[in-house]
N, C-alpha and C. Protein backbone atom coordinates (compact mmCIF):
# COMPACT_ATOMS: atom_id res chain seq x y z
N MET A 1 -12.45 27.42 6.33
CA MET A 1 -11.93 26.58 5.75
C MET A 1 -10.36 25.97 5.73
N SER A 2 -10.03 24.97 5.52
CA SER A 2 -9.04 24.38 5.69
C SER A 2 -7.99 24.84 4.39
N SER A 3 -6.57 24.91 5.01
CA SER A 3 -5.52 25.44 3.90
C SER A 3 -4.82 24.20 3.28
N GLU A 4 -5.01 23.40 3.53
CA GLU A 4 -4.54 22.11 3.38
C GLU A 4 -5.00 22.01 1.92
N PRO A 5 -4.51 21.50 0.93
CA PRO A 5 -4.91 21.02 -0.58
C PRO A 5 -5.85 19.74 -0.56
N PHE A 6 -6.63 19.94 -1.55
CA PHE A 6 -7.53 18.85 -1.69
C PHE A 6 -6.76 17.74 -2.12
N GLU A 7 -7.09 16.65 -1.38
CA GLU A 7 -6.75 15.03 -2.05
C GLU A 7 -8.04 14.35 -2.24
N PRO A 8 -8.15 14.02 -3.74
CA PRO A 8 -9.28 13.46 -3.91
C PRO A 8 -9.23 11.92 -3.78
N LYS A 9 -10.25 11.49 -3.48
CA LYS A 9 -10.46 9.77 -2.94
C LYS A 9 -11.04 9.27 -4.28
N ILE A 10 -10.38 8.21 -4.93
CA ILE A 10 -10.61 7.72 -5.99
C ILE A 10 -10.69 6.09 -5.92
N ILE A 11 -11.85 5.71 -6.12
CA ILE A 11 -12.04 4.10 -6.35
C ILE A 11 -11.39 3.72 -7.43
N GLY A 12 -10.79 2.59 -7.19
CA GLY A 12 -10.26 1.70 -8.28
C GLY A 12 -10.58 0.43 -8.48
N PHE A 13 -11.48 0.15 -9.40
CA PHE A 13 -11.91 -1.15 -9.56
C PHE A 13 -11.13 -2.03 -10.63
N LEU A 14 -10.05 -2.86 -10.18
CA LEU A 14 -9.09 -3.36 -10.89
C LEU A 14 -9.15 -4.79 -11.04
N CYS A 15 -9.11 -5.25 -12.73
CA CYS A 15 -9.36 -6.59 -13.20
C CYS A 15 -8.33 -7.70 -12.49
N ASN A 16 -8.54 -8.46 -11.93
CA ASN A 16 -7.45 -9.52 -11.33
C ASN A 16 -6.34 -9.83 -11.84
N TRP A 17 -6.57 -10.05 -13.28
CA TRP A 17 -5.81 -10.78 -14.23
C TRP A 17 -4.78 -9.93 -14.83
N CYS A 18 -5.24 -8.32 -14.75
CA CYS A 18 -4.36 -7.53 -15.78
C CYS A 18 -4.08 -6.61 -14.63
N SER A 19 -5.04 -5.58 -14.49
CA SER A 19 -4.69 -4.14 -13.87
C SER A 19 -4.41 -4.38 -12.66
N TYR A 20 -4.90 -5.25 -11.71
CA TYR A 20 -4.50 -5.64 -10.42
C TYR A 20 -3.15 -5.94 -10.45
N ARG A 21 -2.72 -7.04 -11.13
CA ARG A 21 -1.21 -7.13 -11.29
C ARG A 21 -0.15 -6.07 -11.65
N ALA A 22 -0.61 -5.36 -12.79
CA ALA A 22 0.14 -4.33 -13.05
C ALA A 22 -0.13 -3.19 -11.62
N ALA A 23 -0.68 -3.02 -11.02
CA ALA A 23 -0.85 -2.18 -9.72
C ALA A 23 0.27 -3.12 -8.72
N ASP A 24 0.23 -4.07 -8.58
CA ASP A 24 1.21 -4.93 -8.16
C ASP A 24 2.61 -4.97 -8.26
N LEU A 25 2.70 -4.73 -9.55
CA LEU A 25 4.29 -4.46 -10.56
C LEU A 25 4.76 -3.31 -9.93
N ALA A 26 3.96 -2.33 -10.20
CA ALA A 26 4.08 -0.90 -10.10
C ALA A 26 4.85 -0.75 -8.42
N GLY A 27 4.19 -1.42 -7.60
CA GLY A 27 4.35 -1.57 -6.07
C GLY A 27 5.62 -1.87 -5.77
N THR A 28 5.89 -3.18 -6.46
CA THR A 28 6.98 -3.93 -6.31
C THR A 28 8.34 -3.37 -6.93
N SER A 29 7.85 -2.83 -8.18
CA SER A 29 8.97 -2.02 -8.64
C SER A 29 9.31 -0.71 -8.42
N ARG A 30 8.47 -0.36 -7.17
CA ARG A 30 8.79 1.11 -6.32
C ARG A 30 8.79 2.12 -7.18
N ILE A 31 7.50 1.79 -8.43
CA ILE A 31 7.18 3.15 -9.18
C ILE A 31 6.59 4.20 -8.07
N LYS A 32 6.73 5.11 -8.40
CA LYS A 32 6.04 6.52 -7.41
C LYS A 32 4.95 6.67 -7.86
N HIS A 33 3.59 6.74 -7.29
CA HIS A 33 2.62 7.24 -8.03
C HIS A 33 1.51 7.93 -6.59
N ALA A 34 0.58 8.38 -7.14
CA ALA A 34 -0.61 9.22 -6.20
C ALA A 34 -1.03 7.85 -5.28
N PRO A 35 -1.19 8.15 -3.94
CA PRO A 35 -1.56 6.99 -3.31
C PRO A 35 -3.32 7.36 -3.12
N ASN A 36 -3.90 7.91 -4.14
CA ASN A 36 -5.44 8.38 -3.97
C ASN A 36 -6.26 7.21 -4.21
N VAL A 37 -5.78 6.30 -5.00
CA VAL A 37 -6.55 5.18 -5.40
C VAL A 37 -6.69 4.36 -4.48
N ARG A 38 -7.92 3.65 -4.07
CA ARG A 38 -8.42 2.75 -2.74
C ARG A 38 -8.82 1.45 -4.06
N ALA A 39 -8.11 0.42 -4.09
CA ALA A 39 -8.14 -0.64 -5.11
C ALA A 39 -9.14 -1.51 -4.47
N ILE A 40 -10.06 -2.04 -5.62
CA ILE A 40 -11.02 -3.07 -4.98
C ILE A 40 -10.55 -4.24 -6.33
N ARG A 41 -10.47 -5.45 -5.85
CA ARG A 41 -10.03 -6.14 -7.09
C ARG A 41 -11.33 -6.43 -7.47
N VAL A 42 -11.62 -7.08 -8.71
CA VAL A 42 -12.57 -7.41 -9.09
C VAL A 42 -12.05 -8.77 -10.25
N MET A 43 -12.82 -9.93 -10.36
CA MET A 43 -12.43 -10.83 -11.38
C MET A 43 -12.17 -10.58 -12.86
N CYS A 44 -13.13 -9.52 -13.08
CA CYS A 44 -12.87 -8.70 -14.78
C CYS A 44 -13.74 -7.61 -14.63
N SER A 45 -13.41 -6.58 -15.36
CA SER A 45 -13.96 -5.39 -15.36
C SER A 45 -15.17 -5.20 -16.17
N GLY A 46 -15.38 -6.44 -16.65
CA GLY A 46 -16.90 -7.01 -17.07
C GLY A 46 -18.02 -7.09 -15.80
N ARG A 47 -17.16 -7.30 -14.59
CA ARG A 47 -17.94 -7.25 -13.50
C ARG A 47 -18.41 -6.25 -12.96
N VAL A 48 -17.94 -5.18 -13.18
CA VAL A 48 -18.17 -3.76 -12.54
C VAL A 48 -19.41 -3.07 -13.28
N ASP A 49 -20.54 -3.34 -12.37
CA ASP A 49 -21.73 -2.58 -12.69
C ASP A 49 -21.93 -1.24 -12.66
N PRO A 50 -22.47 -0.34 -13.45
CA PRO A 50 -22.34 0.89 -13.41
C PRO A 50 -23.06 1.36 -11.90
N THR A 51 -24.09 0.68 -11.43
CA THR A 51 -24.16 1.01 -9.96
C THR A 51 -23.33 0.96 -9.14
N PHE A 52 -22.36 0.22 -9.29
CA PHE A 52 -21.22 0.07 -8.26
C PHE A 52 -20.33 1.75 -8.14
N VAL A 53 -20.43 1.96 -9.36
CA VAL A 53 -19.35 3.25 -9.81
C VAL A 53 -20.37 4.28 -8.94
N LEU A 54 -21.90 4.51 -9.31
CA LEU A 54 -22.56 5.40 -8.86
C LEU A 54 -22.57 5.47 -7.17
N LYS A 55 -22.75 4.08 -6.67
CA LYS A 55 -22.76 4.09 -5.21
C LYS A 55 -21.60 4.53 -4.61
N ALA A 56 -20.22 4.38 -5.49
CA ALA A 56 -18.70 4.66 -4.90
C ALA A 56 -18.81 6.57 -4.76
N LEU A 57 -19.62 6.88 -5.87
CA LEU A 57 -19.63 8.37 -5.93
C LEU A 57 -20.32 9.00 -4.76
N ALA A 58 -21.79 8.17 -4.40
CA ALA A 58 -22.81 8.91 -3.81
C ALA A 58 -22.27 8.65 -2.53
N SER A 59 -21.34 7.59 -2.37
CA SER A 59 -20.78 7.42 -0.77
C SER A 59 -19.61 8.25 -0.52
N GLY A 60 -19.15 9.13 -1.09
CA GLY A 60 -17.87 9.83 -1.11
C GLY A 60 -16.68 9.77 -1.72
N ALA A 61 -16.61 9.37 -2.84
CA ALA A 61 -15.45 9.12 -3.79
C ALA A 61 -15.68 10.23 -4.69
N ASP A 62 -14.78 10.95 -5.18
CA ASP A 62 -14.50 11.81 -5.91
C ASP A 62 -14.46 11.57 -7.25
N GLY A 63 -13.78 10.39 -7.21
CA GLY A 63 -13.61 9.55 -8.87
C GLY A 63 -13.64 8.27 -8.83
N VAL A 64 -13.77 7.38 -10.20
CA VAL A 64 -13.57 6.16 -10.15
C VAL A 64 -12.93 5.75 -11.29
N MET A 65 -11.82 4.86 -11.22
CA MET A 65 -11.33 4.07 -12.02
C MET A 65 -11.59 2.72 -12.56
N ILE A 66 -11.88 2.56 -13.64
CA ILE A 66 -12.17 0.94 -13.90
C ILE A 66 -11.19 0.81 -14.73
N ALA A 67 -10.50 -0.47 -14.54
CA ALA A 67 -9.33 -0.72 -15.25
C ALA A 67 -9.33 -2.50 -15.35
N GLY A 68 -8.88 -2.76 -16.82
CA GLY A 68 -9.21 -4.02 -16.98
C GLY A 68 -8.17 -4.62 -18.30
N CYS A 69 -8.01 -6.06 -18.63
CA CYS A 69 -6.99 -6.48 -19.94
C CYS A 69 -7.37 -5.39 -20.94
N HIS A 70 -6.51 -5.56 -21.96
CA HIS A 70 -6.49 -4.74 -23.01
C HIS A 70 -7.99 -5.57 -23.95
N PRO A 71 -8.87 -4.60 -24.79
CA PRO A 71 -9.52 -5.37 -25.62
C PRO A 71 -9.10 -6.35 -26.30
N GLY A 72 -9.80 -7.58 -26.08
CA GLY A 72 -9.49 -8.99 -27.21
C GLY A 72 -8.24 -9.76 -26.20
N GLU A 73 -7.98 -9.19 -24.96
CA GLU A 73 -7.24 -9.99 -24.14
C GLU A 73 -7.86 -10.53 -22.92
N CYS A 74 -8.97 -10.38 -22.98
CA CYS A 74 -9.56 -10.54 -21.62
C CYS A 74 -9.60 -12.16 -21.38
N HIS A 75 -9.77 -12.27 -20.17
CA HIS A 75 -9.32 -13.87 -19.76
C HIS A 75 -10.65 -14.59 -19.60
N TYR A 76 -11.96 -13.66 -19.60
CA TYR A 76 -13.22 -13.90 -19.78
C TYR A 76 -14.13 -13.55 -21.20
N ILE A 77 -13.02 -14.12 -22.15
CA ILE A 77 -13.40 -14.02 -23.78
C ILE A 77 -13.98 -12.54 -24.23
N GLU A 78 -14.93 -11.93 -23.89
CA GLU A 78 -15.22 -10.78 -24.53
C GLU A 78 -15.79 -9.57 -23.71
N GLN A 79 -15.67 -9.92 -21.91
CA GLN A 79 -16.22 -9.15 -21.32
C GLN A 79 -15.92 -7.80 -21.15
N ASN A 80 -14.42 -7.20 -21.55
CA ASN A 80 -14.07 -5.75 -21.60
C ASN A 80 -14.81 -5.18 -23.03
N TYR A 81 -15.08 -5.90 -23.66
CA TYR A 81 -16.10 -5.29 -24.82
C TYR A 81 -17.48 -5.03 -23.99
N LYS A 82 -17.86 -5.58 -23.34
CA LYS A 82 -19.19 -5.35 -22.04
C LYS A 82 -18.86 -4.27 -21.19
N THR A 83 -17.86 -3.95 -20.84
CA THR A 83 -17.16 -2.81 -20.05
C THR A 83 -17.49 -1.58 -21.00
N MET A 84 -16.68 -1.61 -22.08
CA MET A 84 -16.95 -0.56 -22.83
C MET A 84 -18.12 -0.17 -23.23
N ARG A 85 -19.20 -0.89 -23.43
CA ARG A 85 -20.52 -0.62 -23.53
C ARG A 85 -21.05 0.25 -22.52
N ARG A 86 -20.92 -0.79 -21.17
CA ARG A 86 -21.47 0.11 -20.00
C ARG A 86 -21.08 1.26 -19.74
N PHE A 87 -19.61 1.48 -20.08
CA PHE A 87 -19.15 2.91 -19.56
C PHE A 87 -19.39 3.77 -20.42
N ALA A 88 -19.90 3.67 -21.87
CA ALA A 88 -20.78 4.68 -22.67
C ALA A 88 -21.69 4.92 -21.91
N MET A 89 -22.47 3.89 -21.78
CA MET A 89 -24.03 4.03 -20.88
C MET A 89 -23.55 5.06 -19.31
N LEU A 90 -22.74 4.52 -18.77
CA LEU A 90 -22.16 5.28 -17.30
C LEU A 90 -22.20 6.79 -17.75
N LYS A 91 -21.29 7.37 -18.93
CA LYS A 91 -21.04 8.76 -19.02
C LYS A 91 -22.15 9.38 -19.16
N HIS A 92 -22.85 8.53 -20.38
CA HIS A 92 -24.46 9.36 -20.58
C HIS A 92 -25.50 9.51 -19.12
N THR A 93 -25.46 8.69 -18.28
CA THR A 93 -26.33 8.71 -17.01
C THR A 93 -25.29 10.04 -15.88
N LEU A 94 -24.23 9.97 -15.87
CA LEU A 94 -23.40 10.92 -15.18
C LEU A 94 -23.53 12.30 -15.88
N ARG A 95 -23.77 12.59 -17.03
CA ARG A 95 -24.25 13.65 -17.79
C ARG A 95 -25.57 14.10 -17.16
N ALA A 96 -26.57 13.29 -17.07
CA ALA A 96 -27.67 13.47 -17.12
C ALA A 96 -27.90 14.14 -15.43
N LEU A 97 -27.16 13.25 -14.69
CA LEU A 97 -27.09 13.64 -13.13
C LEU A 97 -26.29 14.80 -13.19
N GLY A 98 -25.90 15.42 -14.02
CA GLY A 98 -24.76 16.61 -13.59
C GLY A 98 -23.65 16.53 -12.93
N ILE A 99 -23.10 15.59 -13.42
CA ILE A 99 -21.76 15.06 -12.85
C ILE A 99 -20.53 14.96 -13.65
N GLU A 100 -19.71 15.63 -13.79
CA GLU A 100 -18.67 15.41 -14.73
C GLU A 100 -17.94 14.10 -15.08
N GLU A 101 -17.97 13.75 -16.54
CA GLU A 101 -17.80 12.44 -16.91
C GLU A 101 -16.69 12.19 -16.55
N GLU A 102 -15.51 13.36 -16.35
CA GLU A 102 -14.04 12.98 -16.13
C GLU A 102 -13.78 12.36 -14.89
N ARG A 103 -14.77 12.28 -14.12
CA ARG A 103 -14.37 11.98 -12.69
C ARG A 103 -14.23 10.12 -13.18
N VAL A 104 -14.75 9.73 -13.69
CA VAL A 104 -14.90 8.13 -14.25
C VAL A 104 -13.96 8.30 -15.48
N ARG A 105 -12.97 7.16 -15.27
CA ARG A 105 -12.23 6.64 -16.14
C ARG A 105 -11.98 5.18 -16.39
N LEU A 106 -11.87 4.92 -17.87
CA LEU A 106 -11.77 3.56 -18.38
C LEU A 106 -10.24 3.27 -18.62
N GLN A 107 -9.34 2.36 -17.72
CA GLN A 107 -7.92 2.20 -18.28
C GLN A 107 -7.73 0.64 -18.95
N TRP A 108 -6.87 0.55 -19.81
CA TRP A 108 -6.62 -0.49 -19.93
C TRP A 108 -5.44 -0.75 -19.51
N ALA A 109 -5.01 -2.01 -18.72
CA ALA A 109 -3.41 -2.32 -18.31
C ALA A 109 -3.30 -3.68 -18.10
N SER A 110 -2.16 -4.08 -19.12
CA SER A 110 -2.00 -5.60 -19.12
C SER A 110 -0.96 -5.82 -17.44
N ALA A 111 -0.66 -7.08 -17.24
CA ALA A 111 -0.20 -7.21 -16.31
C ALA A 111 1.61 -6.48 -16.03
N ALA A 112 1.62 -6.73 -17.31
CA ALA A 112 3.17 -6.00 -17.47
C ALA A 112 3.46 -4.18 -17.81
N GLU A 113 2.30 -3.78 -17.69
CA GLU A 113 2.23 -2.45 -17.51
C GLU A 113 2.15 -1.58 -16.50
N GLY A 114 2.86 -1.99 -15.59
CA GLY A 114 2.61 -1.04 -14.31
C GLY A 114 3.05 0.27 -14.10
N ALA A 115 4.20 0.58 -14.98
CA ALA A 115 4.66 2.24 -15.30
C ALA A 115 3.24 2.68 -15.67
N GLN A 116 2.90 2.20 -16.82
CA GLN A 116 1.78 2.93 -17.34
C GLN A 116 0.55 3.10 -16.51
N LEU A 117 -0.03 2.17 -15.68
CA LEU A 117 -0.91 2.51 -14.98
C LEU A 117 -0.74 3.34 -13.75
N ALA A 118 0.33 3.49 -13.28
CA ALA A 118 1.01 4.42 -12.34
C ALA A 118 0.89 5.67 -13.10
N ALA A 119 1.16 6.01 -14.23
CA ALA A 119 0.89 7.26 -14.69
C ALA A 119 -0.34 7.51 -15.10
N ALA A 120 -1.42 6.60 -15.46
CA ALA A 120 -2.35 6.80 -15.42
C ALA A 120 -3.26 7.41 -14.32
N ILE A 121 -2.71 6.77 -13.05
CA ILE A 121 -3.32 7.02 -11.65
C ILE A 121 -3.00 8.35 -11.49
N ASP A 122 -1.79 8.84 -11.40
CA ASP A 122 -1.12 10.15 -11.44
C ASP A 122 -2.06 10.89 -12.29
N GLU A 123 -2.51 10.86 -13.65
CA GLU A 123 -2.88 11.73 -14.42
C GLU A 123 -4.33 11.92 -13.66
N MET A 124 -5.25 10.97 -13.59
CA MET A 124 -6.27 10.87 -12.93
C MET A 124 -6.49 11.47 -12.07
N VAL A 125 -5.39 11.53 -10.78
CA VAL A 125 -5.56 12.39 -9.54
C VAL A 125 -5.33 13.91 -9.77
N GLU A 126 -4.49 14.06 -10.85
CA GLU A 126 -4.53 15.59 -11.14
C GLU A 126 -5.65 16.04 -11.74
N GLN A 127 -6.04 15.38 -12.83
CA GLN A 127 -7.55 15.81 -13.21
C GLN A 127 -8.72 15.99 -12.20
N ILE A 128 -9.10 15.14 -11.25
CA ILE A 128 -9.72 15.02 -10.27
C ILE A 128 -9.84 16.19 -9.34
N ARG A 129 -8.15 16.52 -8.98
CA ARG A 129 -7.58 17.74 -8.40
C ARG A 129 -8.46 19.25 -8.81
N ARG A 130 -8.15 19.01 -10.10
CA ARG A 130 -8.35 20.20 -11.04
C ARG A 130 -10.01 20.52 -11.03
N LEU A 131 -10.95 19.30 -11.01
CA LEU A 131 -12.25 19.46 -10.71
C LEU A 131 -12.65 19.75 -9.63
N GLY A 132 -12.04 19.51 -8.42
CA GLY A 132 -12.36 19.96 -7.10
C GLY A 132 -13.19 18.76 -6.52
N PRO A 133 -13.72 18.67 -5.14
CA PRO A 133 -14.18 17.72 -4.49
C PRO A 133 -15.69 17.66 -5.38
N LEU A 134 -16.20 16.35 -5.09
CA LEU A 134 -17.56 16.12 -5.57
C LEU A 134 -18.66 16.65 -4.76
N ASN A 135 -18.31 16.30 -3.41
CA ASN A 135 -19.27 16.50 -2.40
C ASN A 135 -20.70 15.83 -2.74
N TRP A 136 -20.94 15.18 -3.65
CA TRP A 136 -22.29 14.45 -3.93
C TRP A 136 -23.36 14.19 -2.30
N PRO A 137 -22.42 13.37 -1.37
CA PRO A 137 -23.17 13.21 -0.39
C PRO A 137 -23.87 14.14 0.30
N LYS A 138 -23.35 15.59 0.54
CA LYS A 138 -23.41 16.60 1.06
C LYS A 138 -24.62 17.37 0.41
N ASN A 139 -24.71 16.91 -1.05
CA ASN A 139 -25.81 17.75 -1.69
C ASN A 139 -27.43 16.92 -1.56
N TRP A 140 -27.30 15.94 -1.04
CA TRP A 140 -28.41 14.88 -0.77
C TRP A 140 -29.01 15.37 0.55
N ALA A 141 -30.00 15.40 0.43
CA ALA A 141 -31.23 15.85 1.84
C ALA A 141 -30.75 14.67 2.98
N GLU A 142 -30.76 15.16 3.92
CA GLU A 142 -30.24 14.04 4.89
C GLU A 142 -31.65 13.63 5.74
N ASP A 143 -32.68 13.25 4.94
CA ASP A 143 -34.05 13.05 5.42
C ASP A 143 -34.15 11.23 5.74
N GLY A 144 -33.14 10.80 5.51
CA GLY A 144 -33.12 9.23 5.95
C GLY A 144 -33.38 8.58 4.30
N GLY A 145 -33.66 9.36 3.33
CA GLY A 145 -33.86 8.81 1.95
C GLY A 145 -32.60 8.46 1.33
N ARG A 146 -31.62 9.12 1.56
CA ARG A 146 -30.33 8.67 0.79
C ARG A 146 -30.16 7.09 0.87
N ALA A 147 -30.28 6.54 2.16
CA ALA A 147 -29.75 5.33 2.32
C ALA A 147 -30.90 4.50 1.07
N HIS A 148 -32.06 4.83 1.48
CA HIS A 148 -33.21 4.11 0.46
C HIS A 148 -32.67 4.12 -0.89
N ALA A 149 -32.31 5.53 -1.35
CA ALA A 149 -32.12 5.91 -2.60
C ALA A 149 -30.78 5.03 -3.26
N LEU A 150 -29.74 4.94 -2.46
CA LEU A 150 -28.64 3.71 -2.67
C LEU A 150 -28.76 2.58 -2.53
N GLU A 151 -29.90 2.03 -1.91
CA GLU A 151 -30.14 0.60 -1.65
C GLU A 151 -30.96 0.41 -3.09
N SER A 152 -31.68 1.13 -3.70
CA SER A 152 -32.49 0.78 -4.70
C SER A 152 -32.09 1.11 -6.02
N LEU A 153 -30.72 1.64 -6.24
CA LEU A 153 -30.18 2.34 -7.23
C LEU A 153 -30.16 0.64 -8.32
N PRO A 154 -29.19 -0.36 -7.60
CA PRO A 154 -29.41 -1.16 -8.79
C PRO A 154 -30.45 -2.16 -9.18
N LYS A 155 -31.44 -2.16 -8.19
CA LYS A 155 -32.80 -2.44 -8.69
C LYS A 155 -33.37 -1.85 -10.01
N GLU A 156 -33.29 -0.32 -9.77
CA GLU A 156 -33.79 0.71 -10.52
C GLU A 156 -32.87 0.62 -11.91
N HIS A 157 -31.65 0.33 -11.87
CA HIS A 157 -30.97 0.33 -13.20
C HIS A 157 -30.74 -0.96 -13.85
N ALA A 158 -31.06 -1.98 -12.99
CA ALA A 158 -30.72 -3.38 -13.72
C ALA A 158 -31.17 -3.47 -15.32
N GLU A 159 -32.30 -3.30 -15.36
CA GLU A 159 -32.74 -3.54 -16.98
C GLU A 159 -32.18 -2.69 -17.66
N ALA A 160 -32.08 -1.33 -17.41
CA ALA A 160 -31.69 -0.31 -18.13
C ALA A 160 -30.00 -0.36 -18.57
N MET A 161 -29.48 -0.77 -17.57
CA MET A 161 -28.00 -0.87 -17.56
C MET A 161 -27.10 -2.29 -18.23
N GLU A 162 -28.19 -3.07 -17.98
CA GLU A 162 -27.43 -4.50 -18.69
C GLU A 162 -27.37 -4.99 -19.79
N VAL A 163 -26.27 -5.02 -20.41
CA VAL A 163 -25.91 -5.55 -21.74
C VAL A 163 -25.87 -7.11 -22.13
N PRO A 164 -26.94 -7.30 -22.70
CA PRO A 164 -26.92 -9.13 -22.76
C PRO A 164 -25.43 -9.45 -23.44
N ALA A 165 -24.99 -10.67 -23.21
CA ALA A 165 -23.72 -11.08 -23.85
C ALA A 165 -24.08 -11.49 -24.96
């Protein structure tokens, strides 16, 4: 067993208009925060399908952060309200799968809130450290069914997880 401390791998789906720019502000302002989040820029947090989160966890991430504009300030009108509804359903799905719901976080951050986003990242990294590694991929039987299961997730959950606009 390794004596090195566990460093979580966290995927961050960041809204292009607010949270991605907050992350950029944190960087250009040289605000120190944990380097554990791998940022994926999406046009809107409403674009993050719950299957993206499940696939990230199934592919080896220990946690996922979804960050977007504050409610009522979305550049795409009401899409962050859609995100809130999807997030509630995602937490229910995670509980059903036996995964701690603390591994997924919904964070609001405007473009001017670089310090707040950096603090939220640090808080999430510490929370995931306390939970320990997810090791979800290692718990799957390596019989070739894993890839098929990952590919079929979006199809299986499309109707159940889609929230009409």
